[in-house]
Amino acid sequence: MENNTAVEKNEDSRVYEVGYLLSPEIAEESVMSHVVAIKDIIASFGGVLISDEYPKPIELAYDMEKVISNKKEIYSRAYFGWVKFDGDPSTMDSLKAKLELDPMIIRFLLIKTVRENTMSSKKTFSARKKFTAKRDDEPQVEINKEEIDAQIDALVVGEEEVKAPPLQ
């Protein structure tokens, strides 16, 4: 999602990404207003939106705590989303401080990143499986354990140079 705002990109700007967890207590129809509020905070510090992902409800890997109005809240679920933007490095500490004040943000992470999309597709994992499967036309190779043990011993002791058998 591109954002064409009137804010000019600063020559010293860098690409940042903020990943955030929103409280699951937010009604699903109100999540968008919280996302807009986060984007407005970023824009108020001169950030120019590059892309974002709308928050999705997730189960957290472990319970997270946040103190809100002197009361400890414990969360096992949250809405996870992120925003990538151009920003001035000198304003990032102030941006962090402002995001920390939002009681609906359980936790966030602000990192420097690259403009390009670096997410890998899930196809790479399924493609790996087809290369690990044994083919029927592949010849069966006999393994002589004593010969291998002798070669290992020779390498460890360093007595002689062992040559690997030729590949078929």
Protein backbone atom coordinates (compact mmCIF):
# COMPACT_ATOMS: atom_id res chain seq x y z
CA MET A 1 0.00 0.00 0.00
CA GLU A 2 1.63 3.23 -1.13
CA ASN A 3 0.99 6.52 0.62
CA ASN A 4 1.50 9.64 -1.46
CA THR A 5 1.60 12.37 1.16
CA ALA A 6 2.81 15.92 0.81
CA VAL A 7 5.72 15.17 3.17
CA GLU A 8 9.00 15.26 1.29
CA LYS A 9 11.50 12.47 1.87
CA ASN A 10 14.48 13.75 3.85
CA GLU A 11 17.93 12.94 2.41
CA ASP A 12 18.95 11.53 5.82
CA SER A 13 15.84 9.35 6.08
CA ARG A 14 16.07 5.60 6.51
CA VAL A 15 13.55 2.81 6.08
CA TYR A 16 12.08 1.53 9.34
CA GLU A 17 9.49 -1.04 10.24
CA VAL A 18 7.41 -1.16 13.38
CA GLY A 19 5.81 -4.47 14.27
CA TYR A 20 3.17 -4.27 16.97
CA LEU A 21 0.84 -6.36 19.11
CA LEU A 22 -2.52 -4.76 19.88
CA SER A 23 -4.66 -5.75 22.85
CA PRO A 24 -7.19 -8.50 22.12
CA GLU A 25 -9.69 -6.48 24.18
CA ILE A 26 -10.14 -4.19 21.16
CA ALA A 27 -13.35 -5.00 19.31
CA GLU A 28 -12.64 -6.27 15.81
CA GLU A 29 -14.53 -3.37 14.24
CA SER A 30 -12.33 -0.91 16.20
CA VAL A 31 -8.94 -2.34 15.16
CA MET A 32 -8.80 -0.12 12.06
CA SER A 33 -9.06 3.05 14.16
CA HIS A 34 -6.07 1.92 16.24
CA VAL A 35 -4.08 1.18 13.07
CA VAL A 36 -4.89 4.67 11.77
CA ALA A 37 -3.77 6.11 15.13
CA ILE A 38 -0.41 4.30 14.85
CA LYS A 39 0.06 5.56 11.28
CA ASP A 40 -0.86 9.09 12.41
CA ILE A 41 1.79 8.92 15.16
CA ILE A 42 4.39 7.84 12.59
CA ALA A 43 3.32 10.64 10.22
CA SER A 44 3.50 13.19 13.05
CA PHE A 45 7.23 12.42 13.34
CA GLY A 46 7.74 12.86 9.58
CA GLY A 47 7.34 9.20 8.62
CA VAL A 48 6.22 8.45 5.07
CA LEU A 49 4.32 5.16 4.71
CA ILE A 50 5.80 2.55 2.35
CA SER A 51 3.64 -0.48 3.14
CA ASP A 52 1.77 -2.15 5.96
CA GLU A 53 -0.14 -5.25 6.94
CA TYR A 54 -3.49 -5.09 8.67
CA PRO A 55 -3.38 -6.72 12.13
CA LYS A 56 -4.51 -10.33 12.41
CA PRO A 57 -5.49 -12.11 15.62
CA ILE A 58 -2.79 -14.54 16.76
CA GLU A 59 -2.09 -16.85 19.69
CA LEU A 60 1.05 -15.64 21.48
CA ALA A 61 3.93 -18.07 22.03
CA TYR A 62 3.99 -17.07 25.70
CA ASP A 63 1.92 -14.85 27.98
CA MET A 64 2.87 -11.17 27.94
CA GLU A 65 2.36 -8.66 30.70
CA LYS A 66 1.73 -4.93 30.53
CA VAL A 67 0.95 -2.55 33.36
CA ILE A 68 -1.99 -0.31 32.47
CA SER A 69 -3.30 2.19 35.05
CA ASN A 70 -1.29 0.49 37.82
CA LYS A 71 -2.85 -2.89 37.01
CA LYS A 72 -0.93 -5.80 35.51
CA GLU A 73 -2.68 -7.18 32.42
CA ILE A 74 -1.71 -10.62 31.07
CA TYR A 75 -2.26 -11.45 27.39
CA SER A 76 -2.15 -14.81 25.59
CA ARG A 77 -3.66 -13.47 22.33
CA ALA A 78 -3.15 -10.25 20.37
CA TYR A 79 -3.58 -8.58 17.00
CA PHE A 80 -0.26 -8.57 15.12
CA GLY A 81 0.45 -6.00 12.38
CA TRP A 82 3.30 -3.93 10.96
CA VAL A 83 4.03 -0.66 9.17
CA LYS A 84 7.08 0.07 6.98
CA PHE A 85 8.00 3.73 6.50
CA ASP A 86 10.72 6.26 5.65
CA GLY A 87 11.74 8.22 8.71
CA ASP A 88 14.31 10.60 10.09
CA PRO A 89 16.69 8.75 12.45
CA SER A 90 16.79 11.72 14.83
CA THR A 91 13.05 11.35 15.58
CA MET A 92 12.97 7.60 16.27
CA ASP A 93 13.54 7.89 20.03
CA SER A 94 10.61 10.31 20.29
CA LEU A 95 8.48 8.00 18.12
CA LYS A 96 9.28 5.06 20.42
CA ALA A 97 8.34 7.08 23.49
CA LYS A 98 5.01 8.08 21.93
CA LEU A 99 4.16 4.48 20.95
CA GLU A 100 4.98 3.28 24.48
CA LEU A 101 2.28 5.60 25.84
CA ASP A 102 -0.51 3.85 23.90
CA PRO A 103 -2.21 1.47 26.36
CA MET A 104 -3.63 -0.68 23.54
CA ILE A 105 -0.15 -1.55 22.19
CA ILE A 106 1.02 -4.54 24.25
CA ARG A 107 4.47 -4.53 22.69
CA PHE A 108 6.19 -3.18 19.59
CA LEU A 109 9.54 -3.46 17.86
CA LEU A 110 11.05 -0.67 15.76
CA ILE A 111 13.83 -1.78 13.40
CA LYS A 112 15.86 -0.42 10.50
CA THR A 113 15.12 -2.41 7.35
CA VAL A 114 15.20 -2.23 3.54
CA ARG A 115 12.59 -0.86 1.18
CA GLU A 116 12.22 -4.11 -0.77
CA ASN A 117 9.89 -6.88 0.32
CA THR A 118 12.09 -9.48 2.03
CA MET A 119 9.41 -12.01 2.93
CA SER A 120 9.99 -15.48 1.49
CA SER A 121 7.19 -17.52 0.07
CA LYS A 122 6.09 -20.81 1.56
CA LYS A 123 6.84 -22.54 -1.74
CA THR A 124 10.53 -22.73 -0.88
CA PHE A 125 9.78 -25.18 1.92
CA SER A 126 7.64 -27.50 -0.18
CA ALA A 127 10.18 -27.37 -3.04
CA ARG A 128 12.87 -28.64 -0.67
CA LYS A 129 10.89 -31.85 -0.04
CA LYS A 130 11.02 -33.01 -3.64
CA PHE A 131 14.83 -32.93 -3.59
CA THR A 132 15.14 -34.97 -0.40
CA ALA A 133 12.96 -37.85 -1.58
CA LYS A 134 14.85 -40.93 -2.83
CA ARG A 135 14.32 -41.66 -6.50
CA ASP A 136 13.56 -45.21 -7.66
CA ASP A 137 16.17 -45.08 -10.45
CA GLU A 138 18.94 -44.10 -8.00
CA PRO A 139 21.51 -46.93 -7.60
CA GLN A 140 21.90 -48.51 -4.16
CA VAL A 141 25.37 -47.83 -2.70
CA GLU A 142 26.96 -50.43 -0.39
CA ILE A 143 28.53 -49.00 2.76
CA ASN A 144 31.45 -50.79 4.39
CA LYS A 145 31.48 -49.61 8.00
CA GLU A 146 34.94 -51.01 8.78
CA GLU A 147 36.49 -49.17 5.82
CA ILE A 148 34.84 -45.92 6.83
CA ASP A 149 35.98 -46.35 10.45
CA ALA A 150 39.55 -46.97 9.26
CA GLN A 151 39.47 -43.84 7.10
CA ILE A 152 38.12 -41.78 10.02
CA ASP A 153 40.81 -43.11 12.35
CA ALA A 154 43.49 -42.25 9.77
CA LEU A 155 42.13 -38.70 9.47
CA VAL A 156 41.96 -38.20 13.21
CA VAL A 157 45.42 -39.58 13.86
CA GLY A 158 46.78 -37.99 10.67
CA GLU A 159 48.81 -41.10 9.72
CA GLU A 160 47.95 -41.20 6.04
CA GLU A 161 46.05 -39.31 3.41
CA VAL A 162 42.72 -40.93 2.71
CA LYS A 163 41.18 -40.61 -0.70
CA ALA A 164 37.42 -40.58 -1.00
CA PRO A 165 35.89 -43.19 -3.29
CA PRO A 166 34.78 -41.78 -6.66
CA LEU A 167 31.17 -40.66 -6.96
CA GLN A 168 29.02 -42.71 -9.29
